[in-house]
Amino acid sequence: NLKAEDTAVYFCAVDGISPWCGNFY
C-alpha cells in the first residue's frame, strides 16, 4: 500500500553492538 510520501532512498544499517530496537530512531 505504498504512498507518494514513501518515495525516498532506502538504506539498511546495522548496530553491531546492541540488538535492541527500542531506540532505533
PDB file of all heavy atoms in Angstrom:
ATOM      1  N   ASN A   1       0.822  -1.207   0.000  1.00  0.00           N
ATOM      2  CA  ASN A   1       0.000   0.000   0.000  1.00  0.00           C
ATOM      3  C   ASN A   1       0.854   1.255   0.000  1.00  0.00           C
ATOM      4  O   ASN A   1       0.683   2.164   0.813  1.00  0.00           O
ATOM      5  CB  ASN A   1      -0.950  -0.007   1.197  1.00  0.00           C
ATOM      6  CG  ASN A   1      -2.021   1.057   1.101  1.00  0.00           C
ATOM      7  OD1 ASN A   1      -2.364   1.512   0.009  1.00  0.00           O
ATOM      8  ND2 ASN A   1      -2.544   1.481   2.249  1.00  0.00           N
ATOM      9  N   LEU A   2       1.772   1.300  -0.930  1.00  0.00           N
ATOM     10  CA  LEU A   2       2.719   2.404  -0.980  1.00  0.00           C
ATOM     11  C   LEU A   2       2.031   3.726  -1.288  1.00  0.00           C
ATOM     12  O   LEU A   2       1.063   3.786  -2.053  1.00  0.00           O
ATOM     13  CB  LEU A   2       3.800   2.119  -2.008  1.00  0.00           C
ATOM     14  CG  LEU A   2       4.847   1.110  -1.538  1.00  0.00           C
ATOM     15  CD1 LEU A   2       5.600   0.528  -2.728  1.00  0.00           C
ATOM     16  CD2 LEU A   2       5.815   1.774  -0.562  1.00  0.00           C
ATOM     17  N   LYS A   3       2.569   4.770  -0.691  1.00  0.00           N
ATOM     18  CA  LYS A   3       2.065   6.115  -0.853  1.00  0.00           C
ATOM     19  C   LYS A   3       3.157   7.004  -1.429  1.00  0.00           C
ATOM     20  O   LYS A   3       4.339   6.679  -1.355  1.00  0.00           O
ATOM     21  CB  LYS A   3       1.601   6.678   0.494  1.00  0.00           C
ATOM     22  CG  LYS A   3       0.579   5.823   1.212  1.00  0.00           C
ATOM     23  CD  LYS A   3       0.268   6.383   2.588  1.00  0.00           C
ATOM     24  CE  LYS A   3      -0.746   5.537   3.311  1.00  0.00           C
ATOM     25  NZ  LYS A   3      -1.050   6.071   4.664  1.00  0.00           N
ATOM     26  N   ALA A   4       2.751   8.131  -1.968  1.00  0.00           N
ATOM     27  CA  ALA A   4       3.711   9.049  -2.554  1.00  0.00           C
ATOM     28  C   ALA A   4       4.761   9.476  -1.541  1.00  0.00           C
ATOM     29  O   ALA A   4       5.936   9.655  -1.890  1.00  0.00           O
ATOM     30  CB  ALA A   4       2.995  10.271  -3.124  1.00  0.00           C
ATOM     31  N   GLU A   5       4.364   9.632  -0.294  1.00  0.00           N
ATOM     32  CA  GLU A   5       5.299  10.060   0.733  1.00  0.00           C
ATOM     33  C   GLU A   5       6.322   8.995   1.105  1.00  0.00           C
ATOM     34  O   GLU A   5       7.248   9.267   1.869  1.00  0.00           O
ATOM     35  CB  GLU A   5       4.555  10.533   1.987  1.00  0.00           C
ATOM     36  CG  GLU A   5       3.555   9.525   2.520  1.00  0.00           C
ATOM     37  CD  GLU A   5       2.138   9.806   2.070  1.00  0.00           C
ATOM     38  OE1 GLU A   5       1.954  10.148   0.884  1.00  0.00           O
ATOM     39  OE2 GLU A   5       1.212   9.693   2.892  1.00  0.00           O
ATOM     40  N   ASP A   6       6.169   7.783   0.580  1.00  0.00           N
ATOM     41  CA  ASP A   6       7.170   6.752   0.777  1.00  0.00           C
ATOM     42  C   ASP A   6       8.345   6.895  -0.176  1.00  0.00           C
ATOM     43  O   ASP A   6       9.337   6.178  -0.040  1.00  0.00           O
ATOM     44  CB  ASP A   6       6.553   5.358   0.606  1.00  0.00           C
ATOM     45  CG  ASP A   6       5.497   5.045   1.655  1.00  0.00           C
ATOM     46  OD1 ASP A   6       5.723   5.366   2.845  1.00  0.00           O
ATOM     47  OD2 ASP A   6       4.459   4.471   1.287  1.00  0.00           O
ATOM     48  N   THR A   7       8.230   7.778  -1.138  1.00  0.00           N
ATOM     49  CA  THR A   7       9.309   7.990  -2.096  1.00  0.00           C
ATOM     50  C   THR A   7      10.562   8.469  -1.377  1.00  0.00           C
ATOM     51  O   THR A   7      10.539   9.477  -0.673  1.00  0.00           O
ATOM     52  CB  THR A   7       8.893   9.003  -3.160  1.00  0.00           C
ATOM     53  OG1 THR A   7       7.811   8.473  -3.930  1.00  0.00           O
ATOM     54  CG2 THR A   7      10.049   9.325  -4.086  1.00  0.00           C
ATOM     55  N   ALA A   8      11.650   7.740  -1.549  1.00  0.00           N
ATOM     56  CA  ALA A   8      12.896   8.060  -0.865  1.00  0.00           C
ATOM     57  C   ALA A   8      13.961   7.066  -1.292  1.00  0.00           C
ATOM     58  O   ALA A   8      13.672   6.060  -1.943  1.00  0.00           O
ATOM     59  CB  ALA A   8      12.715   8.000   0.655  1.00  0.00           C
ATOM     60  N   VAL A   9      15.185   7.363  -0.913  1.00  0.00           N
ATOM     61  CA  VAL A   9      16.247   6.381  -0.991  1.00  0.00           C
ATOM     62  C   VAL A   9      16.223   5.589   0.305  1.00  0.00           C
ATOM     63  O   VAL A   9      16.252   6.171   1.394  1.00  0.00           O
ATOM     64  CB  VAL A   9      17.621   7.034  -1.196  1.00  0.00           C
ATOM     65  CG1 VAL A   9      18.724   5.980  -1.187  1.00  0.00           C
ATOM     66  CG2 VAL A   9      17.652   7.809  -2.507  1.00  0.00           C
ATOM     67  N   TYR A  10      16.175   4.286   0.189  1.00  0.00           N
ATOM     68  CA  TYR A  10      16.089   3.412   1.346  1.00  0.00           C
ATOM     69  C   TYR A  10      17.436   2.772   1.620  1.00  0.00           C
ATOM     70  O   TYR A  10      18.085   2.242   0.713  1.00  0.00           O
ATOM     71  CB  TYR A  10      15.031   2.329   1.129  1.00  0.00           C
ATOM     72  CG  TYR A  10      13.620   2.844   1.300  1.00  0.00           C
ATOM     73  CD1 TYR A  10      13.060   3.694   0.359  1.00  0.00           C
ATOM     74  CD2 TYR A  10      12.851   2.491   2.409  1.00  0.00           C
ATOM     75  CE1 TYR A  10      11.779   4.188   0.513  1.00  0.00           C
ATOM     76  CE2 TYR A  10      11.570   2.974   2.567  1.00  0.00           C
ATOM     77  CZ  TYR A  10      11.031   3.818   1.624  1.00  0.00           C
ATOM     78  OH  TYR A  10       9.754   4.300   1.781  1.00  0.00           O
ATOM     79  N   PHE A  11      17.840   2.807   2.875  1.00  0.00           N
ATOM     80  CA  PHE A  11      19.104   2.262   3.322  1.00  0.00           C
ATOM     81  C   PHE A  11      18.873   1.188   4.374  1.00  0.00           C
ATOM     82  O   PHE A  11      17.932   1.275   5.158  1.00  0.00           O
ATOM     83  CB  PHE A  11      19.984   3.342   3.964  1.00  0.00           C
ATOM     84  CG  PHE A  11      20.290   4.518   3.087  1.00  0.00           C
ATOM     85  CD1 PHE A  11      19.408   5.581   2.997  1.00  0.00           C
ATOM     86  CD2 PHE A  11      21.468   4.569   2.370  1.00  0.00           C
ATOM     87  CE1 PHE A  11      19.685   6.678   2.203  1.00  0.00           C
ATOM     88  CE2 PHE A  11      21.766   5.658   1.573  1.00  0.00           C
ATOM     89  CZ  PHE A  11      20.871   6.711   1.491  1.00  0.00           C
ATOM     90  N   CYS A  12      19.744   0.210   4.411  1.00  0.00           N
ATOM     91  CA  CYS A  12      19.793  -0.675   5.553  1.00  0.00           C
ATOM     92  C   CYS A  12      21.052  -0.358   6.345  1.00  0.00           C
ATOM     93  O   CYS A  12      22.064   0.090   5.794  1.00  0.00           O
ATOM     94  CB  CYS A  12      19.742  -2.152   5.155  1.00  0.00           C
ATOM     95  SG  CYS A  12      21.056  -2.722   4.061  1.00  0.00           S
ATOM     96  N   ALA A  13      20.970  -0.559   7.641  1.00  0.00           N
ATOM     97  CA  ALA A  13      22.083  -0.249   8.519  1.00  0.00           C
ATOM     98  C   ALA A  13      22.059  -1.174   9.721  1.00  0.00           C
ATOM     99  O   ALA A  13      21.018  -1.728  10.076  1.00  0.00           O
ATOM    100  CB  ALA A  13      22.019   1.215   8.977  1.00  0.00           C
ATOM    101  N   VAL A  14      23.210  -1.314  10.356  1.00  0.00           N
ATOM    102  CA  VAL A  14      23.367  -2.237  11.469  1.00  0.00           C
ATOM    103  C   VAL A  14      24.011  -1.547  12.657  1.00  0.00           C
ATOM    104  O   VAL A  14      24.967  -0.775  12.504  1.00  0.00           O
ATOM    105  CB  VAL A  14      24.206  -3.466  11.050  1.00  0.00           C
ATOM    106  CG1 VAL A  14      24.715  -4.229  12.273  1.00  0.00           C
ATOM    107  CG2 VAL A  14      23.394  -4.395  10.159  1.00  0.00           C
ATOM    108  N   ASP A  15      23.476  -1.825  13.833  1.00  0.00           N
ATOM    109  CA  ASP A  15      24.156  -1.547  15.091  1.00  0.00           C
ATOM    110  C   ASP A  15      24.809  -2.857  15.494  1.00  0.00           C
ATOM    111  O   ASP A  15      24.123  -3.794  15.909  1.00  0.00           O
ATOM    112  CB  ASP A  15      23.166  -1.075  16.154  1.00  0.00           C
ATOM    113  CG  ASP A  15      23.819  -0.786  17.496  1.00  0.00           C
ATOM    114  OD1 ASP A  15      24.943  -1.269  17.754  1.00  0.00           O
ATOM    115  OD2 ASP A  15      23.200  -0.077  18.316  1.00  0.00           O
ATOM    116  N   GLY A  16      26.117  -2.941  15.353  1.00  0.00           N
ATOM    117  CA  GLY A  16      26.827  -4.173  15.621  1.00  0.00           C
ATOM    118  C   GLY A  16      27.076  -4.450  17.085  1.00  0.00           C
ATOM    119  O   GLY A  16      27.664  -5.486  17.407  1.00  0.00           O
ATOM    120  N   ILE A  17      26.659  -3.574  17.966  1.00  0.00           N
ATOM    121  CA  ILE A  17      26.914  -3.723  19.394  1.00  0.00           C
ATOM    122  C   ILE A  17      25.693  -4.233  20.134  1.00  0.00           C
ATOM    123  O   ILE A  17      25.770  -5.190  20.906  1.00  0.00           O
ATOM    124  CB  ILE A  17      27.393  -2.398  20.001  1.00  0.00           C
ATOM    125  CG1 ILE A  17      28.705  -1.965  19.348  1.00  0.00           C
ATOM    126  CG2 ILE A  17      27.551  -2.526  21.511  1.00  0.00           C
ATOM    127  CD1 ILE A  17      29.177  -0.599  19.768  1.00  0.00           C
ATOM    128  N   SER A  18      24.553  -3.592  19.923  1.00  0.00           N
ATOM    129  CA  SER A  18      23.339  -3.934  20.657  1.00  0.00           C
ATOM    130  C   SER A  18      22.233  -4.342  19.707  1.00  0.00           C
ATOM    131  O   SER A  18      22.017  -3.689  18.685  1.00  0.00           O
ATOM    132  CB  SER A  18      22.869  -2.753  21.495  1.00  0.00           C
ATOM    133  OG  SER A  18      21.608  -3.021  22.082  1.00  0.00           O
ATOM    134  N   PRO A  19      21.497  -5.406  20.032  1.00  0.00           N
ATOM    135  CA  PRO A  19      20.377  -5.818  19.195  1.00  0.00           C
ATOM    136  C   PRO A  19      19.075  -5.091  19.493  1.00  0.00           C
ATOM    137  O   PRO A  19      18.091  -5.286  18.774  1.00  0.00           O
ATOM    138  CB  PRO A  19      20.235  -7.312  19.516  1.00  0.00           C
ATOM    139  CG  PRO A  19      20.617  -7.390  20.958  1.00  0.00           C
ATOM    140  CD  PRO A  19      21.731  -6.381  21.127  1.00  0.00           C
ATOM    141  N   TRP A  20      19.042  -4.285  20.535  1.00  0.00           N
ATOM    142  CA  TRP A  20      17.808  -3.616  20.935  1.00  0.00           C
ATOM    143  C   TRP A  20      17.344  -2.659  19.859  1.00  0.00           C
ATOM    144  O   TRP A  20      18.125  -1.882  19.320  1.00  0.00           O
ATOM    145  CB  TRP A  20      17.991  -2.876  22.253  1.00  0.00           C
ATOM    146  CG  TRP A  20      18.394  -3.758  23.383  1.00  0.00           C
ATOM    147  CD1 TRP A  20      19.610  -3.814  23.983  1.00  0.00           C
ATOM    148  CD2 TRP A  20      17.567  -4.720  24.056  1.00  0.00           C
ATOM    149  NE1 TRP A  20      19.605  -4.742  24.985  1.00  0.00           N
ATOM    150  CE2 TRP A  20      18.368  -5.324  25.058  1.00  0.00           C
ATOM    151  CE3 TRP A  20      16.250  -5.133  23.914  1.00  0.00           C
ATOM    152  CZ2 TRP A  20      17.882  -6.309  25.905  1.00  0.00           C
ATOM    153  CZ3 TRP A  20      15.765  -6.128  24.759  1.00  0.00           C
ATOM    154  CH2 TRP A  20      16.577  -6.695  25.736  1.00  0.00           C
ATOM    155  N   CYS A  21      16.058  -2.690  19.587  1.00  0.00           N
ATOM    156  CA  CYS A  21      15.467  -1.830  18.573  1.00  0.00           C
ATOM    157  C   CYS A  21      14.571  -0.738  19.149  1.00  0.00           C
ATOM    158  O   CYS A  21      14.016   0.057  18.390  1.00  0.00           O
ATOM    159  CB  CYS A  21      14.662  -2.649  17.574  1.00  0.00           C
ATOM    160  SG  CYS A  21      15.670  -3.537  16.355  1.00  0.00           S
ATOM    161  N   GLY A  22      14.429  -0.709  20.459  1.00  0.00           N
ATOM    162  CA  GLY A  22      13.537   0.262  21.062  1.00  0.00           C
ATOM    163  C   GLY A  22      13.891   1.704  20.761  1.00  0.00           C
ATOM    164  O   GLY A  22      13.015   2.571  20.698  1.00  0.00           O
ATOM    165  N   ASN A  23      15.158   1.974  20.574  1.00  0.00           N
ATOM    166  CA  ASN A  23      15.605   3.333  20.276  1.00  0.00           C
ATOM    167  C   ASN A  23      16.150   3.424  18.860  1.00  0.00           C
ATOM    168  O   ASN A  23      17.118   4.150  18.598  1.00  0.00           O
ATOM    169  CB  ASN A  23      16.657   3.793  21.286  1.00  0.00           C
ATOM    170  CG  ASN A  23      17.949   3.010  21.200  1.00  0.00           C
ATOM    171  OD1 ASN A  23      17.971   1.889  20.692  1.00  0.00           O
ATOM    172  ND2 ASN A  23      19.032   3.601  21.697  1.00  0.00           N
ATOM    173  N   PHE A  24      15.525   2.717  17.940  1.00  0.00           N
ATOM    174  CA  PHE A  24      16.039   2.692  16.570  1.00  0.00           C
ATOM    175  C   PHE A  24      15.891   4.026  15.862  1.00  0.00           C
ATOM    176  O   PHE A  24      16.452   4.216  14.782  1.00  0.00           O
ATOM    177  CB  PHE A  24      15.393   1.557  15.765  1.00  0.00           C
ATOM    178  CG  PHE A  24      14.007   1.840  15.255  1.00  0.00           C
ATOM    179  CD1 PHE A  24      13.783   2.059  13.903  1.00  0.00           C
ATOM    180  CD2 PHE A  24      12.928   1.857  16.117  1.00  0.00           C
ATOM    181  CE1 PHE A  24      12.501   2.286  13.422  1.00  0.00           C
ATOM    182  CE2 PHE A  24      11.644   2.084  15.650  1.00  0.00           C
ATOM    183  CZ  PHE A  24      11.435   2.301  14.301  1.00  0.00           C
ATOM    184  N   TYR A  25      15.143   4.948  16.459  1.00  0.00           N
ATOM    185  CA  TYR A  25      15.041   6.290  15.903  1.00  0.00           C
ATOM    186  C   TYR A  25      16.332   7.085  16.057  1.00  0.00           C
ATOM    187  O   TYR A  25      16.503   8.109  15.382  1.00  0.00           O
ATOM    188  CB  TYR A  25      13.893   7.053  16.570  1.00  0.00           C
ATOM    189  CG  TYR A  25      12.537   6.466  16.314  1.00  0.00           C
ATOM    190  CD1 TYR A  25      11.912   5.659  17.269  1.00  0.00           C
ATOM    191  CD2 TYR A  25      11.874   6.706  15.120  1.00  0.00           C
ATOM    192  CE1 TYR A  25      10.663   5.122  17.041  1.00  0.00           C
ATOM    193  CE2 TYR A  25      10.614   6.163  14.888  1.00  0.00           C
ATOM    194  CZ  TYR A  25      10.019   5.377  15.850  1.00  0.00           C
ATOM    195  OH  TYR A  25       8.772   4.840  15.613  1.00  0.00           O
TER     196      TYR A  25
END
